[in-house]
Amino acid sequence: MTTAAAHEEAAVSHHPQFFVNIEGEEYPWDRPTITVLEIRLIGRLPQDQGVIEINLDDNTERTLGECEAVHIKPGHAFAKKIRYKRG
């Protein structure tokens, strides 16, 4: 293994991995925030419909603003408690 490859592997292992659940499908994400536009792009959601955040802990829903950024926590457990769908 080269020094560059070892350094890259070490950087990846220290970087938290995030997951977002869009309409029942989990997608890996590499940052602690995601925008509505990014949710639309990775989930292939149409622009003419809103994006709804669903909190599965208390079964509440809220429509996200088009310019809104959502903070997410690392790991799969969070992704199963919050999900997004077209509105």
N, C-alpha and C. Protein backbone atom coordinates (compact mmCIF):
# COMPACT_ATOMS: atom_id res chain seq x y z
N MET A 1 0.85 -1.17 0.00
CA MET A 1 0.00 0.00 0.00
C MET A 1 0.90 1.23 0.00
N THR A 2 0.56 2.20 -0.82
CA THR A 2 1.36 3.42 -0.89
C THR A 2 1.03 4.33 0.29
N THR A 3 1.90 5.29 0.53
CA THR A 3 1.67 6.25 1.63
C THR A 3 0.41 7.04 1.38
N ALA A 4 0.18 7.46 0.15
CA ALA A 4 -1.02 8.23 -0.19
C ALA A 4 -2.28 7.40 0.06
N ALA A 5 -2.27 6.13 -0.33
CA ALA A 5 -3.43 5.27 -0.12
C ALA A 5 -3.68 5.04 1.36
N ALA A 6 -2.63 4.86 2.14
CA ALA A 6 -2.78 4.67 3.58
C ALA A 6 -3.34 5.92 4.22
N HIS A 7 -2.87 7.09 3.78
CA HIS A 7 -3.37 8.36 4.34
C HIS A 7 -4.85 8.54 3.99
N GLU A 8 -5.22 8.22 2.75
CA GLU A 8 -6.61 8.34 2.32
C GLU A 8 -7.51 7.39 3.11
N GLU A 9 -7.05 6.17 3.32
CA GLU A 9 -7.83 5.18 4.08
C GLU A 9 -8.01 5.65 5.52
N ALA A 10 -6.98 6.21 6.13
CA ALA A 10 -7.08 6.71 7.50
C ALA A 10 -8.05 7.88 7.57
N ALA A 11 -8.04 8.75 6.58
CA ALA A 11 -8.95 9.89 6.56
C ALA A 11 -10.40 9.43 6.43
N VAL A 12 -10.63 8.42 5.61
CA VAL A 12 -11.99 7.90 5.42
C VAL A 12 -12.49 7.24 6.70
N SER A 13 -11.64 6.48 7.38
CA SER A 13 -12.08 5.77 8.58
C SER A 13 -12.39 6.72 9.73
N HIS A 14 -11.79 7.92 9.74
CA HIS A 14 -12.07 8.89 10.79
C HIS A 14 -13.25 9.79 10.45
N HIS A 15 -13.71 9.76 9.23
CA HIS A 15 -14.82 10.60 8.79
C HIS A 15 -16.13 9.86 9.10
N PRO A 16 -17.04 10.50 9.84
CA PRO A 16 -18.30 9.81 10.14
C PRO A 16 -19.12 9.58 8.87
N GLN A 17 -19.81 8.50 8.83
CA GLN A 17 -20.64 8.17 7.68
C GLN A 17 -22.09 8.46 8.03
N PHE A 18 -22.77 9.17 7.18
CA PHE A 18 -24.18 9.53 7.39
C PHE A 18 -25.03 8.78 6.38
N PHE A 19 -26.30 8.61 6.71
CA PHE A 19 -27.25 7.99 5.80
C PHE A 19 -28.54 8.78 5.83
N VAL A 20 -29.15 8.95 4.66
CA VAL A 20 -30.45 9.58 4.57
C VAL A 20 -31.42 8.59 3.95
N ASN A 21 -32.63 8.58 4.47
CA ASN A 21 -33.67 7.67 4.01
C ASN A 21 -34.65 8.50 3.19
N ILE A 22 -34.70 8.22 1.90
CA ILE A 22 -35.61 8.94 1.00
C ILE A 22 -36.56 7.93 0.40
N GLU A 23 -37.82 8.06 0.79
CA GLU A 23 -38.89 7.16 0.33
C GLU A 23 -38.54 5.69 0.53
N GLY A 24 -37.97 5.37 1.71
CA GLY A 24 -37.69 3.99 2.07
C GLY A 24 -36.35 3.47 1.60
N GLU A 25 -35.61 4.24 0.84
CA GLU A 25 -34.29 3.84 0.32
C GLU A 25 -33.20 4.61 1.07
N GLU A 26 -32.19 3.89 1.59
CA GLU A 26 -31.09 4.55 2.30
C GLU A 26 -29.98 4.92 1.33
N TYR A 27 -29.48 6.15 1.49
CA TYR A 27 -28.38 6.64 0.67
C TYR A 27 -27.25 7.10 1.60
N PRO A 28 -26.00 6.70 1.32
CA PRO A 28 -24.87 7.17 2.14
C PRO A 28 -24.63 8.66 1.86
N TRP A 29 -24.19 9.38 2.88
CA TRP A 29 -23.92 10.80 2.76
C TRP A 29 -22.66 11.11 3.54
N ASP A 30 -21.85 12.06 3.08
CA ASP A 30 -20.56 12.31 3.71
C ASP A 30 -20.46 13.60 4.52
N ARG A 31 -21.56 14.30 4.71
CA ARG A 31 -21.54 15.55 5.47
C ARG A 31 -22.65 15.57 6.52
N PRO A 32 -22.52 16.38 7.57
CA PRO A 32 -23.54 16.42 8.62
C PRO A 32 -24.77 17.25 8.26
N THR A 33 -24.79 17.86 7.08
CA THR A 33 -25.97 18.58 6.62
C THR A 33 -26.30 18.15 5.20
N ILE A 34 -27.57 18.30 4.85
CA ILE A 34 -28.01 18.02 3.49
C ILE A 34 -29.08 19.05 3.15
N THR A 35 -29.07 19.55 1.93
CA THR A 35 -30.04 20.54 1.50
C THR A 35 -31.23 19.85 0.82
N VAL A 36 -32.30 20.60 0.69
CA VAL A 36 -33.47 20.07 -0.01
C VAL A 36 -33.11 19.73 -1.46
N LEU A 37 -32.32 20.56 -2.09
CA LEU A 37 -31.90 20.28 -3.47
C LEU A 37 -31.12 18.97 -3.55
N GLU A 38 -30.23 18.72 -2.59
CA GLU A 38 -29.47 17.47 -2.58
C GLU A 38 -30.38 16.27 -2.33
N ILE A 39 -31.38 16.43 -1.46
CA ILE A 39 -32.35 15.35 -1.24
C ILE A 39 -33.08 15.05 -2.54
N ARG A 40 -33.48 16.10 -3.25
CA ARG A 40 -34.16 15.91 -4.54
C ARG A 40 -33.26 15.17 -5.54
N LEU A 41 -32.00 15.57 -5.60
CA LEU A 41 -31.09 14.98 -6.59
C LEU A 41 -30.81 13.50 -6.31
N ILE A 42 -30.45 13.16 -5.06
CA ILE A 42 -30.10 11.76 -4.81
C ILE A 42 -31.33 10.86 -4.78
N GLY A 43 -32.50 11.41 -4.40
CA GLY A 43 -33.72 10.61 -4.37
C GLY A 43 -34.53 10.70 -5.64
N ARG A 44 -34.06 11.50 -6.61
CA ARG A 44 -34.76 11.70 -7.88
C ARG A 44 -36.21 12.14 -7.66
N LEU A 45 -36.37 13.14 -6.79
CA LEU A 45 -37.70 13.67 -6.51
C LEU A 45 -38.00 14.83 -7.45
N PRO A 46 -39.23 14.93 -7.94
CA PRO A 46 -39.56 16.00 -8.88
C PRO A 46 -39.55 17.38 -8.20
N GLN A 47 -39.21 18.41 -8.97
CA GLN A 47 -39.12 19.77 -8.43
C GLN A 47 -40.49 20.39 -8.16
N ASP A 48 -41.54 19.86 -8.79
CA ASP A 48 -42.86 20.46 -8.61
C ASP A 48 -43.58 19.97 -7.36
N GLN A 49 -42.95 19.11 -6.56
CA GLN A 49 -43.54 18.62 -5.32
C GLN A 49 -42.63 18.97 -4.15
N GLY A 50 -43.23 19.25 -3.00
CA GLY A 50 -42.45 19.58 -1.81
C GLY A 50 -41.71 18.36 -1.27
N VAL A 51 -40.76 18.63 -0.37
CA VAL A 51 -40.04 17.56 0.33
C VAL A 51 -40.50 17.59 1.78
N ILE A 52 -40.94 16.45 2.27
CA ILE A 52 -41.48 16.33 3.62
C ILE A 52 -40.51 15.54 4.48
N GLU A 53 -40.20 16.08 5.66
CA GLU A 53 -39.38 15.39 6.65
C GLU A 53 -40.33 14.67 7.60
N ILE A 54 -40.11 13.38 7.81
CA ILE A 54 -40.96 12.57 8.68
C ILE A 54 -40.12 12.10 9.86
N ASN A 55 -40.53 12.48 11.06
CA ASN A 55 -39.87 12.02 12.28
C ASN A 55 -40.61 10.76 12.73
N LEU A 56 -39.96 9.61 12.61
CA LEU A 56 -40.63 8.35 12.92
C LEU A 56 -40.72 8.07 14.42
N ASP A 57 -40.01 8.87 15.25
CA ASP A 57 -40.15 8.70 16.70
C ASP A 57 -41.54 9.11 17.16
N ASP A 58 -42.01 10.27 16.67
CA ASP A 58 -43.33 10.75 17.11
C ASP A 58 -44.32 10.88 15.95
N ASN A 59 -43.94 10.40 14.77
CA ASN A 59 -44.79 10.36 13.58
C ASN A 59 -45.28 11.74 13.15
N THR A 60 -44.40 12.75 13.29
CA THR A 60 -44.75 14.09 12.83
C THR A 60 -44.12 14.34 11.47
N GLU A 61 -44.76 15.19 10.70
CA GLU A 61 -44.28 15.55 9.38
C GLU A 61 -44.17 17.07 9.28
N ARG A 62 -43.18 17.52 8.51
CA ARG A 62 -43.10 18.95 8.21
C ARG A 62 -42.52 19.12 6.82
N THR A 63 -43.07 20.07 6.09
CA THR A 63 -42.60 20.37 4.74
C THR A 63 -41.38 21.27 4.85
N LEU A 64 -40.31 20.89 4.16
CA LEU A 64 -39.07 21.65 4.19
C LEU A 64 -39.11 22.79 3.18
N GLY A 65 -38.48 23.90 3.53
CA GLY A 65 -38.35 25.02 2.61
C GLY A 65 -37.34 24.68 1.52
N GLU A 66 -37.50 25.25 0.35
CA GLU A 66 -36.63 24.93 -0.79
C GLU A 66 -35.16 25.24 -0.53
N CYS A 67 -34.86 26.22 0.31
CA CYS A 67 -33.47 26.61 0.58
C CYS A 67 -32.98 26.06 1.93
N GLU A 68 -33.73 25.18 2.53
CA GLU A 68 -33.41 24.67 3.87
C GLU A 68 -32.31 23.62 3.84
N ALA A 69 -31.47 23.66 4.88
CA ALA A 69 -30.45 22.63 5.10
C ALA A 69 -30.84 21.88 6.37
N VAL A 70 -30.72 20.57 6.35
CA VAL A 70 -31.11 19.73 7.47
C VAL A 70 -29.85 19.15 8.11
N HIS A 71 -29.75 19.20 9.44
CA HIS A 71 -28.63 18.60 10.16
C HIS A 71 -28.95 17.14 10.43
N ILE A 72 -28.01 16.25 10.11
CA ILE A 72 -28.21 14.82 10.33
C ILE A 72 -27.11 14.29 11.25
N LYS A 73 -27.38 13.18 11.88
CA LYS A 73 -26.42 12.54 12.78
C LYS A 73 -25.82 11.33 12.09
N PRO A 74 -24.60 10.94 12.46
CA PRO A 74 -23.96 9.79 11.80
C PRO A 74 -24.64 8.47 12.13
N GLY A 75 -24.54 7.52 11.20
CA GLY A 75 -25.00 6.16 11.43
C GLY A 75 -26.34 5.84 10.83
N HIS A 76 -26.66 4.56 10.82
CA HIS A 76 -27.93 4.08 10.27
C HIS A 76 -29.10 4.35 11.19
N ALA A 77 -28.88 4.34 12.48
CA ALA A 77 -30.00 4.47 13.43
C ALA A 77 -30.78 5.75 13.20
N PHE A 78 -30.08 6.86 12.96
CA PHE A 78 -30.78 8.11 12.74
C PHE A 78 -31.58 8.07 11.45
N ALA A 79 -31.02 7.47 10.43
CA ALA A 79 -31.69 7.43 9.14
C ALA A 79 -33.02 6.68 9.23
N LYS A 80 -33.13 5.76 10.15
CA LYS A 80 -34.37 5.02 10.28
C LYS A 80 -35.42 5.77 11.10
N LYS A 81 -35.02 6.86 11.78
CA LYS A 81 -35.96 7.64 12.57
C LYS A 81 -36.47 8.86 11.82
N ILE A 82 -35.69 9.34 10.85
CA ILE A 82 -36.08 10.47 10.03
C ILE A 82 -35.99 10.03 8.58
N ARG A 83 -37.02 10.35 7.82
CA ARG A 83 -36.95 10.04 6.40
C ARG A 83 -37.61 11.16 5.62
N TYR A 84 -37.43 11.16 4.33
CA TYR A 84 -37.94 12.21 3.48
C TYR A 84 -38.76 11.59 2.36
N LYS A 85 -39.78 12.32 1.93
CA LYS A 85 -40.59 11.86 0.82
C LYS A 85 -41.10 13.07 0.04
N ARG A 86 -41.60 12.79 -1.15
CA ARG A 86 -42.19 13.87 -1.93
C ARG A 86 -43.49 14.31 -1.29
N GLY A 87 -43.83 15.57 -1.47
CA GLY A 87 -45.03 16.11 -0.80
C GLY A 87 -46.09 16.32 -1.76
